[in-house]
Amino acid sequence: MKAFWLYTLARLGVFVVTYAIVWGIASVWFDPEFANLFVLLVALVVSSLISYFALGRLRDDLAQHISGRAERMSQRIEESRRAEDVD
Protein backbone atom coordinates (compact mmCIF):
# COMPACT_ATOMS: atom_id res chain seq x y z
CA MET A 1 0.00 0.00 0.00
CA LYS A 2 2.96 2.27 0.59
CA ALA A 3 3.91 2.14 -3.09
CA PHE A 4 0.40 3.21 -4.10
CA TRP A 5 0.30 6.22 -1.81
CA LEU A 6 3.85 7.26 -2.65
CA TYR A 7 3.16 7.19 -6.39
CA THR A 8 -0.22 8.90 -6.00
CA LEU A 9 1.20 11.71 -3.88
CA ALA A 10 4.12 12.16 -6.28
CA ARG A 11 1.69 12.44 -9.23
CA LEU A 12 -0.45 14.90 -7.31
CA GLY A 13 2.61 16.96 -6.37
CA VAL A 14 3.80 17.10 -9.97
CA PHE A 15 0.33 18.20 -11.09
CA VAL A 16 0.04 20.93 -8.43
CA VAL A 17 3.45 22.37 -9.25
CA THR A 18 2.76 22.22 -12.99
CA TYR A 19 -0.65 23.84 -12.52
CA ALA A 20 0.88 26.69 -10.51
CA ILE A 21 3.55 27.31 -13.12
CA VAL A 22 1.12 27.20 -16.04
CA TRP A 23 -1.33 29.42 -14.15
CA GLY A 24 1.45 31.96 -13.53
CA ILE A 25 2.42 32.00 -17.19
CA ALA A 26 -1.19 32.09 -18.45
CA SER A 27 -2.19 34.92 -16.12
CA VAL A 28 0.28 37.17 -17.91
CA TRP A 29 -1.25 36.61 -21.37
CA PHE A 30 -4.89 35.67 -20.72
CA ASP A 31 -7.81 36.90 -18.66
CA PRO A 32 -7.82 34.72 -15.48
CA GLU A 33 -11.52 33.84 -15.83
CA PHE A 34 -11.03 32.66 -19.41
CA ALA A 35 -7.86 30.72 -18.67
CA ASN A 36 -9.28 28.23 -16.12
CA LEU A 37 -10.05 25.37 -18.49
CA PHE A 38 -7.03 26.09 -20.67
CA VAL A 39 -4.67 26.03 -17.68
CA LEU A 40 -6.22 22.82 -16.36
CA LEU A 41 -5.88 21.00 -19.68
CA VAL A 42 -2.31 22.16 -20.30
CA ALA A 43 -1.31 21.27 -16.73
CA LEU A 44 -2.82 17.78 -17.09
CA VAL A 45 -0.93 17.09 -20.31
CA VAL A 46 2.39 18.53 -19.13
CA SER A 47 2.23 16.86 -15.71
CA SER A 48 1.42 13.53 -17.38
CA LEU A 49 4.50 13.81 -19.56
CA ILE A 50 6.69 14.82 -16.64
CA SER A 51 5.32 11.97 -14.51
CA TYR A 52 5.88 9.44 -17.27
CA PHE A 53 9.59 10.21 -17.41
CA ALA A 54 10.34 11.35 -13.85
CA LEU A 55 8.30 8.81 -11.89
CA GLY A 56 9.20 5.67 -13.81
CA ARG A 57 10.83 3.96 -10.86
CA LEU A 58 7.87 4.62 -8.55
CA ARG A 59 5.50 3.34 -11.25
CA ASP A 60 7.57 0.15 -11.64
CA ASP A 61 7.56 -0.39 -7.86
CA LEU A 62 3.79 0.01 -7.83
CA ALA A 63 3.38 -2.41 -10.73
CA GLN A 64 5.52 -5.02 -8.96
CA HIS A 65 3.50 -4.57 -5.78
CA ILE A 66 0.21 -5.01 -7.63
CA SER A 67 1.53 -7.98 -9.56
CA GLY A 68 2.71 -9.70 -6.38
CA ARG A 69 -0.61 -9.08 -4.70
CA ALA A 70 -2.55 -10.48 -7.67
CA GLU A 71 -0.31 -13.55 -7.71
CA ARG A 72 -0.89 -14.18 -3.99
CA MET A 73 -4.66 -13.85 -4.49
CA SER A 74 -4.53 -16.31 -7.39
CA GLN A 75 -2.61 -18.77 -5.25
CA ARG A 76 -5.19 -18.49 -2.46
CA ILE A 77 -8.04 -19.05 -4.89
CA GLU A 78 -6.28 -22.06 -6.37
CA GLU A 79 -5.62 -23.50 -2.89
CA SER A 80 -9.26 -23.13 -1.90
CA ARG A 81 -10.32 -24.72 -5.20
CA ARG A 82 -8.06 -27.69 -4.51
CA ALA A 83 -9.45 -27.96 -0.97
CA GLU A 84 -12.99 -28.11 -2.37
CA ASP A 85 -12.01 -30.82 -4.87
CA VAL A 86 -10.62 -33.04 -2.09
CA ASP A 87 -13.96 -33.25 -0.28
C-alpha atoms as a PDB file:
ATOM      1  CA  MET A   1       0.000   0.000   0.000  1.00  0.00           C
ATOM      2  CA  LYS A   2       2.960   2.275   0.594  1.00  0.00           C
ATOM      3  CA  ALA A   3       3.914   2.137  -3.093  1.00  0.00           C
ATOM      4  CA  PHE A   4       0.398   3.207  -4.102  1.00  0.00           C
ATOM      5  CA  TRP A   5       0.304   6.223  -1.811  1.00  0.00           C
ATOM      6  CA  LEU A   6       3.851   7.263  -2.652  1.00  0.00           C
ATOM      7  CA  TYR A   7       3.161   7.185  -6.390  1.00  0.00           C
ATOM      8  CA  THR A   8      -0.219   8.902  -6.004  1.00  0.00           C
ATOM      9  CA  LEU A   9       1.202  11.710  -3.880  1.00  0.00           C
ATOM     10  CA  ALA A  10       4.120  12.159  -6.279  1.00  0.00           C
ATOM     11  CA  ARG A  11       1.688  12.439  -9.226  1.00  0.00           C
ATOM     12  CA  LEU A  12      -0.450  14.905  -7.310  1.00  0.00           C
ATOM     13  CA  GLY A  13       2.605  16.962  -6.374  1.00  0.00           C
ATOM     14  CA  VAL A  14       3.799  17.101  -9.971  1.00  0.00           C
ATOM     15  CA  PHE A  15       0.326  18.199 -11.086  1.00  0.00           C
ATOM     16  CA  VAL A  16       0.039  20.935  -8.430  1.00  0.00           C
ATOM     17  CA  VAL A  17       3.452  22.375  -9.251  1.00  0.00           C
ATOM     18  CA  THR A  18       2.756  22.216 -12.992  1.00  0.00           C
ATOM     19  CA  TYR A  19      -0.654  23.841 -12.521  1.00  0.00           C
ATOM     20  CA  ALA A  20       0.876  26.690 -10.507  1.00  0.00           C
ATOM     21  CA  ILE A  21       3.554  27.311 -13.123  1.00  0.00           C
ATOM     22  CA  VAL A  22       1.117  27.200 -16.044  1.00  0.00           C
ATOM     23  CA  TRP A  23      -1.334  29.421 -14.146  1.00  0.00           C
ATOM     24  CA  GLY A  24       1.450  31.964 -13.527  1.00  0.00           C
ATOM     25  CA  ILE A  25       2.418  31.998 -17.187  1.00  0.00           C
ATOM     26  CA  ALA A  26      -1.188  32.093 -18.451  1.00  0.00           C
ATOM     27  CA  SER A  27      -2.191  34.917 -16.115  1.00  0.00           C
ATOM     28  CA  VAL A  28       0.281  37.171 -17.913  1.00  0.00           C
ATOM     29  CA  TRP A  29      -1.255  36.609 -21.365  1.00  0.00           C
ATOM     30  CA  PHE A  30      -4.895  35.671 -20.719  1.00  0.00           C
ATOM     31  CA  ASP A  31      -7.812  36.898 -18.656  1.00  0.00           C
ATOM     32  CA  PRO A  32      -7.822  34.723 -15.479  1.00  0.00           C
ATOM     33  CA  GLU A  33     -11.523  33.837 -15.830  1.00  0.00           C
ATOM     34  CA  PHE A  34     -11.034  32.659 -19.408  1.00  0.00           C
ATOM     35  CA  ALA A  35      -7.863  30.717 -18.669  1.00  0.00           C
ATOM     36  CA  ASN A  36      -9.281  28.235 -16.115  1.00  0.00           C
ATOM     37  CA  LEU A  37     -10.053  25.371 -18.488  1.00  0.00           C
ATOM     38  CA  PHE A  38      -7.025  26.091 -20.668  1.00  0.00           C
ATOM     39  CA  VAL A  39      -4.670  26.031 -17.676  1.00  0.00           C
ATOM     40  CA  LEU A  40      -6.225  22.817 -16.365  1.00  0.00           C
ATOM     41  CA  LEU A  41      -5.877  20.998 -19.684  1.00  0.00           C
ATOM     42  CA  VAL A  42      -2.312  22.159 -20.301  1.00  0.00           C
ATOM     43  CA  ALA A  43      -1.313  21.274 -16.727  1.00  0.00           C
ATOM     44  CA  LEU A  44      -2.816  17.779 -17.092  1.00  0.00           C
ATOM     45  CA  VAL A  45      -0.932  17.091 -20.309  1.00  0.00           C
ATOM     46  CA  VAL A  46       2.389  18.534 -19.132  1.00  0.00           C
ATOM     47  CA  SER A  47       2.229  16.861 -15.708  1.00  0.00           C
ATOM     48  CA  SER A  48       1.421  13.528 -17.378  1.00  0.00           C
ATOM     49  CA  LEU A  49       4.496  13.815 -19.562  1.00  0.00           C
ATOM     50  CA  ILE A  50       6.692  14.824 -16.639  1.00  0.00           C
ATOM     51  CA  SER A  51       5.319  11.975 -14.515  1.00  0.00           C
ATOM     52  CA  TYR A  52       5.882   9.444 -17.268  1.00  0.00           C
ATOM     53  CA  PHE A  53       9.589  10.208 -17.410  1.00  0.00           C
ATOM     54  CA  ALA A  54      10.342  11.351 -13.849  1.00  0.00           C
ATOM     55  CA  LEU A  55       8.299   8.811 -11.891  1.00  0.00           C
ATOM     56  CA  GLY A  56       9.204   5.672 -13.807  1.00  0.00           C
ATOM     57  CA  ARG A  57      10.831   3.956 -10.860  1.00  0.00           C
ATOM     58  CA  LEU A  58       7.869   4.620  -8.555  1.00  0.00           C
ATOM     59  CA  ARG A  59       5.500   3.337 -11.254  1.00  0.00           C
ATOM     60  CA  ASP A  60       7.574   0.154 -11.635  1.00  0.00           C
ATOM     61  CA  ASP A  61       7.560  -0.395  -7.856  1.00  0.00           C
ATOM     62  CA  LEU A  62       3.786   0.014  -7.827  1.00  0.00           C
ATOM     63  CA  ALA A  63       3.383  -2.407 -10.728  1.00  0.00           C
ATOM     64  CA  GLN A  64       5.517  -5.021  -8.956  1.00  0.00           C
ATOM     65  CA  HIS A  65       3.502  -4.573  -5.778  1.00  0.00           C
ATOM     66  CA  ILE A  66       0.206  -5.008  -7.628  1.00  0.00           C
ATOM     67  CA  SER A  67       1.531  -7.984  -9.563  1.00  0.00           C
ATOM     68  CA  GLY A  68       2.709  -9.697  -6.383  1.00  0.00           C
ATOM     69  CA  ARG A  69      -0.613  -9.082  -4.696  1.00  0.00           C
ATOM     70  CA  ALA A  70      -2.546 -10.483  -7.673  1.00  0.00           C
ATOM     71  CA  GLU A  71      -0.306 -13.545  -7.709  1.00  0.00           C
ATOM     72  CA  ARG A  72      -0.892 -14.178  -3.989  1.00  0.00           C
ATOM     73  CA  MET A  73      -4.656 -13.847  -4.495  1.00  0.00           C
ATOM     74  CA  SER A  74      -4.529 -16.310  -7.394  1.00  0.00           C
ATOM     75  CA  GLN A  75      -2.611 -18.774  -5.248  1.00  0.00           C
ATOM     76  CA  ARG A  76      -5.192 -18.492  -2.461  1.00  0.00           C
ATOM     77  CA  ILE A  77      -8.040 -19.051  -4.894  1.00  0.00           C
ATOM     78  CA  GLU A  78      -6.276 -22.057  -6.369  1.00  0.00           C
ATOM     79  CA  GLU A  79      -5.619 -23.501  -2.886  1.00  0.00           C
ATOM     80  CA  SER A  80      -9.262 -23.130  -1.902  1.00  0.00           C
ATOM     81  CA  ARG A  81     -10.323 -24.719  -5.198  1.00  0.00           C
ATOM     82  CA  ARG A  82      -8.056 -27.691  -4.507  1.00  0.00           C
ATOM     83  CA  ALA A  83      -9.451 -27.964  -0.966  1.00  0.00           C
ATOM     84  CA  GLU A  84     -12.992 -28.109  -2.373  1.00  0.00           C
ATOM     85  CA  ASP A  85     -12.010 -30.816  -4.867  1.00  0.00           C
ATOM     86  CA  VAL A  86     -10.618 -33.036  -2.087  1.00  0.00           C
ATOM     87  CA  ASP A  87     -13.956 -33.247  -0.283  1.00  0.00           C
END
